[in-house]
C-alpha atoms as a PDB file:
ATOM      1  CA  MET A   1     182.399 124.150  92.843  1.00  0.00           C
ATOM      2  CA  LYS A   2     181.304 122.476  89.730  1.00  0.00           C
ATOM      3  CA  HIS A   3     177.711 122.722  90.641  1.00  0.00           C
ATOM      4  CA  ILE A   4     178.000 126.394  91.566  1.00  0.00           C
ATOM      5  CA  LEU A   5     179.624 127.143  88.210  1.00  0.00           C
ATOM      6  CA  LEU A   6     176.898 125.336  86.388  1.00  0.00           C
ATOM      7  CA  ALA A   7     174.122 127.084  88.353  1.00  0.00           C
ATOM      8  CA  GLY A   8     175.919 130.473  87.698  1.00  0.00           C
ATOM      9  CA  ALA A   9     176.146 129.729  83.964  1.00  0.00           C
ATOM     10  CA  PHE A  10     172.299 128.859  83.945  1.00  0.00           C
ATOM     11  CA  LEU A  11     171.505 132.095  85.659  1.00  0.00           C
ATOM     12  CA  LEU A  12     173.695 134.156  83.346  1.00  0.00           C
ATOM     13  CA  CYS A  13     171.858 132.471  80.441  1.00  0.00           C
ATOM     14  CA  LEU A  14     168.481 133.396  81.863  1.00  0.00           C
ATOM     15  CA  LEU A  15     169.595 137.084  82.479  1.00  0.00           C
ATOM     16  CA  THR A  16     171.005 137.442  78.985  1.00  0.00           C
ATOM     17  CA  ALA A  17     167.974 135.662  77.307  1.00  0.00           C
ATOM     18  CA  CYS A  18     165.541 138.508  78.517  1.00  0.00           C
ATOM     19  CA  LYS A  19     167.136 141.933  78.521  1.00  0.00           C
ATOM     20  CA  LYS A  20     165.145 145.124  79.372  1.00  0.00           C
ATOM     21  CA  ASP A  21     165.512 146.344  75.736  1.00  0.00           C
ATOM     22  CA  ASP A  22     164.317 143.113  74.210  1.00  0.00           C
ATOM     23  CA  ASP A  23     161.213 143.554  71.777  1.00  0.00           C
ATOM     24  CA  LEU A  24     158.237 141.924  73.468  1.00  0.00           C
ATOM     25  CA  GLY A  25     155.974 142.339  70.416  1.00  0.00           C
ATOM     26  CA  ASP A  26     152.436 143.637  70.332  1.00  0.00           C
ATOM     27  CA  ILE A  27     151.641 143.391  74.111  1.00  0.00           C
ATOM     28  CA  ASP A  28     148.131 144.705  73.328  1.00  0.00           C
ATOM     29  CA  ASN A  29     147.207 141.803  71.463  1.00  0.00           C
ATOM     30  CA  ILE A  30     148.030 138.654  73.540  1.00  0.00           C
ATOM     31  CA  PRO A  31     145.164 136.199  73.162  1.00  0.00           C
ATOM     32  CA  GLY A  32     143.075 135.170  76.140  1.00  0.00           C
ATOM     33  CA  LEU A  33     144.261 137.823  78.573  1.00  0.00           C
ATOM     34  CA  GLY A  34     141.010 139.931  78.152  1.00  0.00           C
ATOM     35  CA  GLY A  35     138.722 137.041  77.823  1.00  0.00           C
ATOM     36  CA  ASP A  36     137.210 135.784  74.589  1.00  0.00           C
ATOM     37  CA  THR A  37     134.651 138.097  72.951  1.00  0.00           C
ATOM     38  CA  TRP A  38     132.453 137.739  70.013  1.00  0.00           C
ATOM     39  CA  THR A  39     129.356 139.232  68.691  1.00  0.00           C
ATOM     40  CA  PRO A  40     126.199 137.762  70.290  1.00  0.00           C
ATOM     41  CA  GLY A  41     124.270 135.631  67.784  1.00  0.00           C
ATOM     42  CA  PRO A  42     120.859 133.768  67.928  1.00  0.00           C
ATOM     43  CA  ILE A  43     122.290 131.234  70.468  1.00  0.00           C
ATOM     44  CA  ASP A  44     123.385 133.873  72.885  1.00  0.00           C
ATOM     45  CA  ASN A  45     120.274 135.908  72.608  1.00  0.00           C
ATOM     46  CA  TRP A  46     118.221 132.808  73.311  1.00  0.00           C
ATOM     47  CA  ILE A  47     120.208 131.912  76.377  1.00  0.00           C
ATOM     48  CA  MET A  48     119.943 135.524  77.648  1.00  0.00           C
ATOM     49  CA  ASP A  49     116.223 135.734  77.088  1.00  0.00           C
ATOM     50  CA  SER A  50     115.307 132.177  78.344  1.00  0.00           C
ATOM     51  CA  LEU A  51     117.731 131.277  81.043  1.00  0.00           C
ATOM     52  CA  THR A  52     120.033 134.257  82.126  1.00  0.00           C
ATOM     53  CA  VAL A  53     117.440 136.906  82.680  1.00  0.00           C
ATOM     54  CA  PRO A  54     114.705 134.752  84.387  1.00  0.00           C
ATOM     55  CA  TYR A  55     116.921 132.494  86.341  1.00  0.00           C
ATOM     56  CA  ASN A  56     120.447 134.037  86.343  1.00  0.00           C
ATOM     57  CA  ILE A  57     121.764 130.894  84.505  1.00  0.00           C
ATOM     58  CA  ALA A  58     124.925 131.290  82.382  1.00  0.00           C
ATOM     59  CA  VAL A  59     125.809 128.722  79.764  1.00  0.00           C
ATOM     60  CA  LYS A  60     129.232 128.156  78.222  1.00  0.00           C
ATOM     61  CA  TYR A  61     129.048 126.297  74.921  1.00  0.00           C
ATOM     62  CA  LYS A  62     132.133 127.736  73.121  1.00  0.00           C
ATOM     63  CA  TRP A  63     135.262 125.517  73.714  1.00  0.00           C
ATOM     64  CA  ASP A  64     137.357 126.267  76.793  1.00  0.00           C
ATOM     65  CA  GLN A  65     139.570 123.327  77.839  1.00  0.00           C
ATOM     66  CA  GLY A  66     140.264 125.361  81.004  1.00  0.00           C
ATOM     67  CA  GLU A  67     136.739 124.596  82.207  1.00  0.00           C
ATOM     68  CA  LEU A  68     137.236 120.725  81.807  1.00  0.00           C
ATOM     69  CA  ALA A  69     139.485 117.982  82.973  1.00  0.00           C
ATOM     70  CA  LEU A  70     142.850 118.255  81.043  1.00  0.00           C
ATOM     71  CA  ASN A  71     143.563 114.519  80.949  1.00  0.00           C
ATOM     72  CA  ARG A  72     140.212 113.756  79.071  1.00  0.00           C
ATOM     73  CA  THR A  73     139.823 113.545  75.284  1.00  0.00           C
ATOM     74  CA  LEU A  74     136.635 115.773  74.595  1.00  0.00           C
ATOM     75  CA  VAL A  75     135.020 117.441  71.709  1.00  0.00           C
ATOM     76  CA  PRO A  76     133.014 120.763  71.541  1.00  0.00           C
ATOM     77  CA  PRO A  77     129.260 120.728  71.273  1.00  0.00           C
ATOM     78  CA  LYS A  78     127.799 121.317  67.746  1.00  0.00           C
ATOM     79  CA  GLU A  79     126.112 124.796  67.699  1.00  0.00           C
ATOM     80  CA  GLU A  80     123.105 123.387  66.025  1.00  0.00           C
ATOM     81  CA  LYS A  81     122.483 121.287  69.101  1.00  0.00           C
ATOM     82  CA  ILE A  82     122.679 124.127  71.765  1.00  0.00           C
ATOM     83  CA  ILE A  83     119.080 125.660  71.446  1.00  0.00           C
ATOM     84  CA  PRO A  84     117.350 122.356  71.079  1.00  0.00           C
ATOM     85  CA  VAL A  85     119.137 120.943  73.994  1.00  0.00           C
ATOM     86  CA  LEU A  86     118.668 123.881  76.254  1.00  0.00           C
ATOM     87  CA  SER A  87     115.058 124.288  75.245  1.00  0.00           C
ATOM     88  CA  ALA A  88     114.350 120.703  76.127  1.00  0.00           C
ATOM     89  CA  ILE A  89     116.077 121.171  79.459  1.00  0.00           C
ATOM     90  CA  LYS A  90     114.035 124.171  80.192  1.00  0.00           C
ATOM     91  CA  LYS A  91     110.691 122.200  79.290  1.00  0.00           C
ATOM     92  CA  VAL A  92     111.508 119.063  81.271  1.00  0.00           C
ATOM     93  CA  TRP A  93     113.481 120.232  84.205  1.00  0.00           C
ATOM     94  CA  ILE A  94     112.924 123.955  84.934  1.00  0.00           C
ATOM     95  CA  ASN A  95     109.279 124.436  83.938  1.00  0.00           C
ATOM     96  CA  ASN A  96     108.124 121.440  85.842  1.00  0.00           C
ATOM     97  CA  TYR A  97     109.922 122.368  89.166  1.00  0.00           C
ATOM     98  CA  VAL A  98     108.653 125.879  88.674  1.00  0.00           C
ATOM     99  CA  ALA A  99     105.066 124.471  88.324  1.00  0.00           C
ATOM    100  CA  GLU A 100     105.247 122.495  91.447  1.00  0.00           C
ATOM    101  CA  ALA A 101     107.593 124.558  93.701  1.00  0.00           C
ATOM    102  CA  GLY A 102     107.468 128.062  92.312  1.00  0.00           C
ATOM    103  CA  GLU A 103     109.989 130.453  90.658  1.00  0.00           C
ATOM    104  CA  ILE A 104     111.596 131.436  93.886  1.00  0.00           C
ATOM    105  CA  PHE A 105     112.658 127.824  94.614  1.00  0.00           C
ATOM    106  CA  MET A 106     114.148 127.375  91.351  1.00  0.00           C
ATOM    107  CA  LYS A 107     115.817 130.780  91.228  1.00  0.00           C
ATOM    108  CA  ARG A 108     117.362 130.037  94.589  1.00  0.00           C
ATOM    109  CA  LEU A 109     118.574 126.530  94.106  1.00  0.00           C
ATOM    110  CA  CYS A 110     119.201 125.866  90.326  1.00  0.00           C
ATOM    111  CA  PRO A 111     122.911 125.901  89.339  1.00  0.00           C
ATOM    112  CA  LYS A 112     123.951 129.196  87.825  1.00  0.00           C
ATOM    113  CA  PHE A 113     126.489 127.929  85.372  1.00  0.00           C
ATOM    114  CA  PHE A 114     126.257 125.195  82.721  1.00  0.00           C
ATOM    115  CA  VAL A 115     129.229 124.042  80.640  1.00  0.00           C
ATOM    116  CA  LEU A 116     128.360 121.988  77.545  1.00  0.00           C
ATOM    117  CA  VAL A 117     130.453 119.260  75.919  1.00  0.00           C
ATOM    118  CA  GLY A 118     129.740 117.361  72.706  1.00  0.00           C
ATOM    119  CA  SER A 119     131.262 113.916  73.771  1.00  0.00           C
ATOM    120  CA  ALA A 120     131.245 111.682  76.703  1.00  0.00           C
ATOM    121  CA  SER A 121     134.005 111.802  79.362  1.00  0.00           C
ATOM    122  CA  TYR A 122     135.689 108.369  79.517  1.00  0.00           C
ATOM    123  CA  ASN A 123     137.220 107.337  82.747  1.00  0.00           C
ATOM    124  CA  PRO A 124     140.261 105.100  83.250  1.00  0.00           C
ATOM    125  CA  ASP A 125     138.091 102.426  84.988  1.00  0.00           C
ATOM    126  CA  GLY A 126     135.913 101.935  81.829  1.00  0.00           C
ATOM    127  CA  THR A 127     133.082 104.026  83.258  1.00  0.00           C
ATOM    128  CA  ILE A 128     131.640 107.112  81.493  1.00  0.00           C
ATOM    129  CA  THR A 129     130.887 110.550  83.157  1.00  0.00           C
ATOM    130  CA  LEU A 130     127.725 112.035  81.609  1.00  0.00           C
ATOM    131  CA  GLY A 131     127.448 115.079  84.073  1.00  0.00           C
ATOM    132  CA  THR A 132     128.929 116.638  87.016  1.00  0.00           C
ATOM    133  CA  ALA A 133     127.782 119.220  89.586  1.00  0.00           C
ATOM    134  CA  GLU A 134     130.188 121.234  91.583  1.00  0.00           C
ATOM    135  CA  GLY A 135     129.282 122.991  94.831  1.00  0.00           C
ATOM    136  CA  GLY A 136     125.611 123.356  93.666  1.00  0.00           C
ATOM    137  CA  ARG A 137     126.588 126.191  91.275  1.00  0.00           C
ATOM    138  CA  ARG A 138     128.101 124.563  88.293  1.00  0.00           C
ATOM    139  CA  ILE A 139     126.948 121.675  86.149  1.00  0.00           C
ATOM    140  CA  VAL A 140     128.945 120.081  83.178  1.00  0.00           C
ATOM    141  CA  LEU A 141     126.867 118.124  80.625  1.00  0.00           C
ATOM    142  CA  TYR A 142     128.301 115.810  78.199  1.00  0.00           C
ATOM    143  CA  VAL A 143     127.222 113.880  75.019  1.00  0.00           C
ATOM    144  CA  LEU A 144     125.265 116.877  73.582  1.00  0.00           C
ATOM    145  CA  ASN A 145     126.234 115.934  70.047  1.00  0.00           C
ATOM    146  CA  ASP A 146     124.123 112.609  70.342  1.00  0.00           C
ATOM    147  CA  PHE A 147     120.997 114.672  71.306  1.00  0.00           C
ATOM    148  CA  ARG A 148     118.088 113.891  68.848  1.00  0.00           C
ATOM    149  CA  ILE A 149     114.346 114.353  69.646  1.00  0.00           C
ATOM    150  CA  LYS A 150     111.141 113.818  67.703  1.00  0.00           C
ATOM    151  CA  GLY A 151     110.893 116.211  64.756  1.00  0.00           C
ATOM    152  CA  MET A 152     114.611 116.132  63.895  1.00  0.00           C
ATOM    153  CA  SER A 153     115.397 114.616  60.558  1.00  0.00           C
ATOM    154  CA  ASP A 154     117.753 112.058  61.784  1.00  0.00           C
ATOM    155  CA  TYR A 155     115.748 110.953  64.808  1.00  0.00           C
ATOM    156  CA  THR A 156     115.108 107.282  65.401  1.00  0.00           C
ATOM    157  CA  PRO A 157     113.282 105.626  68.277  1.00  0.00           C
ATOM    158  CA  SER A 158     116.555 104.266  69.739  1.00  0.00           C
ATOM    159  CA  ASP A 159     117.689 107.927  70.332  1.00  0.00           C
ATOM    160  CA  SER A 160     115.083 108.125  73.146  1.00  0.00           C
ATOM    161  CA  SER A 161     117.630 106.411  75.460  1.00  0.00           C
ATOM    162  CA  ASN A 162     120.126 109.224  74.914  1.00  0.00           C
ATOM    163  CA  VAL A 163     117.380 111.807  75.641  1.00  0.00           C
ATOM    164  CA  LYS A 164     116.438 110.051  78.853  1.00  0.00           C
ATOM    165  CA  MET A 165     119.881 109.710  79.819  1.00  0.00           C
ATOM    166  CA  MET A 166     120.568 113.452  79.553  1.00  0.00           C
ATOM    167  CA  PHE A 167     117.579 114.196  81.760  1.00  0.00           C
ATOM    168  CA  HIS A 168     118.536 111.472  84.122  1.00  0.00           C
ATOM    169  CA  THR A 169     121.917 113.244  84.447  1.00  0.00           C
ATOM    170  CA  ILE A 170     120.339 116.635  85.203  1.00  0.00           C
ATOM    171  CA  GLU A 171     117.797 115.271  87.669  1.00  0.00           C
ATOM    172  CA  HIS A 172     120.627 113.276  89.395  1.00  0.00           C
ATOM    173  CA  GLU A 173     122.878 116.388  89.691  1.00  0.00           C
ATOM    174  CA  PHE A 174     119.952 118.522  90.831  1.00  0.00           C
ATOM    175  CA  GLY A 175     119.207 115.966  93.479  1.00  0.00           C
ATOM    176  CA  HIS A 176     122.774 116.315  94.863  1.00  0.00           C
ATOM    177  CA  ILE A 177     122.223 120.139  95.027  1.00  0.00           C
ATOM    178  CA  LEU A 178     118.937 119.410  97.069  1.00  0.00           C
ATOM    179  CA  HIS A 179     120.310 117.019  99.564  1.00  0.00           C
ATOM    180  CA  GLN A 180     123.568 119.255  99.930  1.00  0.00           C
ATOM    181  CA  ASN A 181     121.317 121.983 101.167  1.00  0.00           C
ATOM    182  CA  VAL A 182     119.046 119.886 103.397  1.00  0.00           C
ATOM    183  CA  LEU A 183     120.072 116.327 104.080  1.00  0.00           C
ATOM    184  CA  TYR A 184     117.714 113.469 103.819  1.00  0.00           C
ATOM    185  CA  THR A 185     116.890 111.363 106.853  1.00  0.00           C
ATOM    186  CA  PRO A 186     119.667 108.939 108.104  1.00  0.00           C
ATOM    187  CA  ASP A 187     117.111 106.124 107.878  1.00  0.00           C
ATOM    188  CA  PHE A 188     117.780 106.027 104.158  1.00  0.00           C
ATOM    189  CA  LYS A 189     121.270 104.940 104.648  1.00  0.00           C
ATOM    190  CA  ARG A 190     120.221 102.091 106.815  1.00  0.00           C
ATOM    191  CA  ILE A 191     117.947 100.351 104.256  1.00  0.00           C
ATOM    192  CA  SER A 192     120.953  99.023 102.220  1.00  0.00           C
ATOM    193  CA  ILE A 193     123.651  99.203 104.845  1.00  0.00           C
ATOM    194  CA  GLY A 194     126.523  96.895 104.136  1.00  0.00           C
ATOM    195  CA  ARG A 195     125.696  96.663 100.302  1.00  0.00           C
ATOM    196  CA  TYR A 196     127.420  99.689  99.024  1.00  0.00           C
ATOM    197  CA  THR A 197     130.519  98.859  97.093  1.00  0.00           C
ATOM    198  CA  SER A 198     133.232 100.677  94.955  1.00  0.00           C
ATOM    199  CA  ASN A 199     132.917  97.775  92.530  1.00  0.00           C
ATOM    200  CA  TRP A 200     129.594  98.922  91.301  1.00  0.00           C
ATOM    201  CA  ASN A 201     130.583  99.141  87.777  1.00  0.00           C
ATOM    202  CA  ASN A 202     131.158  95.314  87.685  1.00  0.00           C
ATOM    203  CA  VAL A 203     127.375  94.929  88.552  1.00  0.00           C
ATOM    204  CA  SER A 204     124.558  94.988  86.069  1.00  0.00           C
ATOM    205  CA  ASP A 205     121.476  97.069  86.718  1.00  0.00           C
ATOM    206  CA  GLU A 206     119.453  93.836  86.962  1.00  0.00           C
ATOM    207  CA  THR A 207     121.740  92.340  89.719  1.00  0.00           C
ATOM    208  CA  ALA A 208     121.485  95.754  91.446  1.00  0.00           C
ATOM    209  CA  HIS A 209     117.729  95.564  91.325  1.00  0.00           C
ATOM    210  CA  GLN A 210     117.741  92.174  93.095  1.00  0.00           C
ATOM    211  CA  ASP A 211     119.629  93.814  96.076  1.00  0.00           C
ATOM    212  CA  GLY A 212     117.108  96.599  96.348  1.00  0.00           C
ATOM    213  CA  PHE A 213     119.010  99.270  94.303  1.00  0.00           C
ATOM    214  CA  ILE A 214     117.411 101.215  91.440  1.00  0.00           C
ATOM    215  CA  SER A 215     120.693 101.064  89.394  1.00  0.00           C
ATOM    216  CA  ALA A 216     124.190  99.589  89.595  1.00  0.00           C
ATOM    217  CA  TYR A 217     125.558 103.159  90.244  1.00  0.00           C
ATOM    218  CA  ALA A 218     123.184 103.486  93.110  1.00  0.00           C
ATOM    219  CA  MET A 219     125.302 100.939  94.963  1.00  0.00           C
ATOM    220  CA  SER A 220     128.361 103.233  94.989  1.00  0.00           C
ATOM    221  CA  ALA A 221     127.269 105.245  98.027  1.00  0.00           C
ATOM    222  CA  PRO A 222     124.147 106.235  99.959  1.00  0.00           C
ATOM    223  CA  ASP A 223     124.092 109.819  98.252  1.00  0.00           C
ATOM    224  CA  GLU A 224     124.306 108.287  94.956  1.00  0.00           C
ATOM    225  CA  ASP A 225     121.538 105.905  95.889  1.00  0.00           C
ATOM    226  CA  PHE A 226     119.291 108.656  96.990  1.00  0.00           C
ATOM    227  CA  VAL A 227     119.758 110.828  93.836  1.00  0.00           C
ATOM    228  CA  GLU A 228     119.508 107.900  91.581  1.00  0.00           C
ATOM    229  CA  MET A 229     116.194 107.076  93.079  1.00  0.00           C
ATOM    230  CA  ILE A 230     114.982 110.734  92.358  1.00  0.00           C
ATOM    231  CA  SER A 231     116.291 110.794  88.757  1.00  0.00           C
ATOM    232  CA  ILE A 232     115.126 107.398  87.629  1.00  0.00           C
ATOM    233  CA  MET A 233     111.715 107.873  89.345  1.00  0.00           C
ATOM    234  CA  LEU A 234     111.334 111.236  87.594  1.00  0.00           C
ATOM    235  CA  THR A 235     112.442 110.096  84.172  1.00  0.00           C
ATOM    236  CA  GLU A 236     110.735 106.814  84.065  1.00  0.00           C
ATOM    237  CA  GLY A 237     107.474 107.941  85.726  1.00  0.00           C
ATOM    238  CA  LYS A 238     105.431 106.041  88.240  1.00  0.00           C
ATOM    239  CA  ALA A 239     104.292 103.252  85.814  1.00  0.00           C
ATOM    240  CA  GLY A 240     108.098 102.753  84.735  1.00  0.00           C
ATOM    241  CA  PHE A 241     109.231 102.587  88.355  1.00  0.00           C
ATOM    242  CA  ASP A 242     106.455 100.291  89.311  1.00  0.00           C
ATOM    243  CA  ASN A 243     107.304  97.960  86.471  1.00  0.00           C
ATOM    244  CA  LEU A 244     110.965  98.011  87.452  1.00  0.00           C
ATOM    245  CA  VAL A 245     110.170  97.082  91.181  1.00  0.00           C
ATOM    246  CA  ASN A 246     107.491  94.424  90.101  1.00  0.00           C
ATOM    247  CA  SER A 247     109.730  92.703  87.555  1.00  0.00           C
ATOM    248  CA  ILE A 248     112.310  91.720  90.163  1.00  0.00           C
ATOM    249  CA  THR A 249     112.574  87.922  90.424  1.00  0.00           C
ATOM    250  CA  GLY A 250     114.778  85.388  92.012  1.00  0.00           C
ATOM    251  CA  THR A 251     117.583  85.799  94.647  1.00  0.00           C
ATOM    252  CA  SER A 252     120.542  87.968  94.305  1.00  0.00           C
ATOM    253  CA  PRO A 253     124.161  86.609  94.549  1.00  0.00           C
ATOM    254  CA  ASN A 254     124.264  88.193  98.117  1.00  0.00           C
ATOM    255  CA  GLY A 255     121.163  86.158  99.041  1.00  0.00           C
ATOM    256  CA  THR A 256     118.579  89.023  98.875  1.00  0.00           C
ATOM    257  CA  THR A 257     115.250  87.555  97.939  1.00  0.00           C
ATOM    258  CA  ALA A 258     112.918  89.248  95.428  1.00  0.00           C
ATOM    259  CA  GLU A 259     110.487  90.308  98.128  1.00  0.00           C
ATOM    260  CA  VAL A 260     113.102  91.824 100.264  1.00  0.00           C
ATOM    261  CA  ALA A 261     114.547  93.762  97.282  1.00  0.00           C
ATOM    262  CA  LYS A 262     111.120  95.058  96.379  1.00  0.00           C
ATOM    263  CA  ASP A 263     110.532  96.121  99.958  1.00  0.00           C
ATOM    264  CA  LYS A 264     113.884  98.037 100.039  1.00  0.00           C
ATOM    265  CA  LEU A 265     113.023  99.910  96.950  1.00  0.00           C
ATOM    266  CA  ARG A 266     109.522 100.845  98.270  1.00  0.00           C
ATOM    267  CA  GLN A 267     111.106 102.057 101.564  1.00  0.00           C
ATOM    268  CA  LYS A 268     113.448 104.327  99.498  1.00  0.00           C
ATOM    269  CA  GLU A 269     110.570 105.514  97.381  1.00  0.00           C
ATOM    270  CA  THR A 270     108.657 106.585 100.625  1.00  0.00           C
ATOM    271  CA  ILE A 271     111.610 108.420 101.989  1.00  0.00           C
ATOM    272  CA  VAL A 272     112.195 110.256  98.627  1.00  0.00           C
ATOM    273  CA  VAL A 273     108.453 111.294  98.463  1.00  0.00           C
ATOM    274  CA  ASN A 274     108.358 112.350 102.059  1.00  0.00           C
ATOM    275  CA  TYR A 275     111.665 114.329 101.627  1.00  0.00           C
ATOM    276  CA  PHE A 276     110.319 116.435  98.645  1.00  0.00           C
ATOM    277  CA  ASN A 277     106.976 117.055 100.610  1.00  0.00           C
ATOM    278  CA  ASP A 278     108.417 117.770 104.007  1.00  0.00           C
ATOM    279  CA  THR A 279     111.587 119.600 103.050  1.00  0.00           C
ATOM    280  CA  TRP A 280     110.609 121.402  99.863  1.00  0.00           C
ATOM    281  CA  HIS A 281     106.845 121.302  99.887  1.00  0.00           C
ATOM    282  CA  ILE A 282     106.833 119.499  96.632  1.00  0.00           C
ATOM    283  CA  ASN A 283     104.271 116.751  95.702  1.00  0.00           C
ATOM    284  CA  PHE A 284     106.666 114.297  94.184  1.00  0.00           C
ATOM    285  CA  TYR A 285     104.196 112.276  92.315  1.00  0.00           C
ATOM    286  CA  ASN A 286     102.904 115.413  90.547  1.00  0.00           C
ATOM    287  CA  LEU A 287     106.469 116.387  89.644  1.00  0.00           C
ATOM    288  CA  GLN A 288     107.020 112.786  88.439  1.00  0.00           C
ATOM    289  CA  ALA A 289     103.901 112.841  86.221  1.00  0.00           C
ATOM    290  CA  ARG A 290     104.878 116.190  84.720  1.00  0.00           C
ATOM    291  CA  THR A 291     108.495 115.256  84.125  1.00  0.00           C
ATOM    292  CA  ARG A 292     107.599 111.929  82.424  1.00  0.00           C
ATOM    293  CA  ALA A 293     104.888 113.605  80.268  1.00  0.00           C
ATOM    294  CA  SER A 294     107.432 116.231  79.203  1.00  0.00           C
ATOM    295  CA  ILE A 295     109.993 113.544  78.180  1.00  0.00           C
ATOM    296  CA  VAL A 296     107.300 111.443  76.308  1.00  0.00           C
ATOM    297  CA  ALA A 297     106.304 114.511  74.335  1.00  0.00           C
ATOM    298  CA  LEU A 298     109.898 114.865  73.061  1.00  0.00           C
ATOM    299  CA  ILE A 299     110.572 111.209  72.055  1.00  0.00           C
ATOM    300  CA  LYS A 300     107.199 109.705  71.061  1.00  0.00           C
END
């Protein structure tokens, strides 16, 4: 009976707290219900002319926490970074794919919605998320506030690593979109079978190389291995990839010899190149040369 009385008192409190004749205020001016609006400026006009009209790509750069994980501490992108970043993305990623695969390919497969974030997203396990792709339609890019290229007053050669990392992220996420549309051959997963691990974040890139992986993150799963091959081969260029493979020495803690590690990476390279050619009719080495040259033009 005591519980019933308490429940009844609580219900009575709710009923009396919101009576029909209570003043609800100006219900025509409740923020957010109609969507945020603003007068389009130079940034919005550039996005419309360069990305939305030709490729149906929308970009959200104004802050909206609802687009992001609520348990992360993030900051908005600086507006002066938006056009330089998006212009570089168009030159390095979109234009080069269009040159090798055609506009129809890019219009059909490119993600249609980009969300831009100024800072990195730090994870509880100590790793950092630099980008995500969701369902092949939406990409979130982080760390835009650190973007600096040749010609900017505050650019230094050390900034080139941030630039390459951004394009690494984009090529990585687009690689996921490609294999989610048409899966690569199962032979790829057999090359490093038994070596994938959830503890990849405790392995250095150099040690990963000794086991035939192009990066430590590639050790996390076959799909990640495949797209890490795509992204690093494109951003480093053929000479950079060849240098990485040829620099492997010694034997890994798992007993993989340098020659075996090199052979694994060459097998993966062959599968990636054939996948692009057979599935998408793209000459990977041409795309690789174009992509690397575009990145070099921004940082050297």
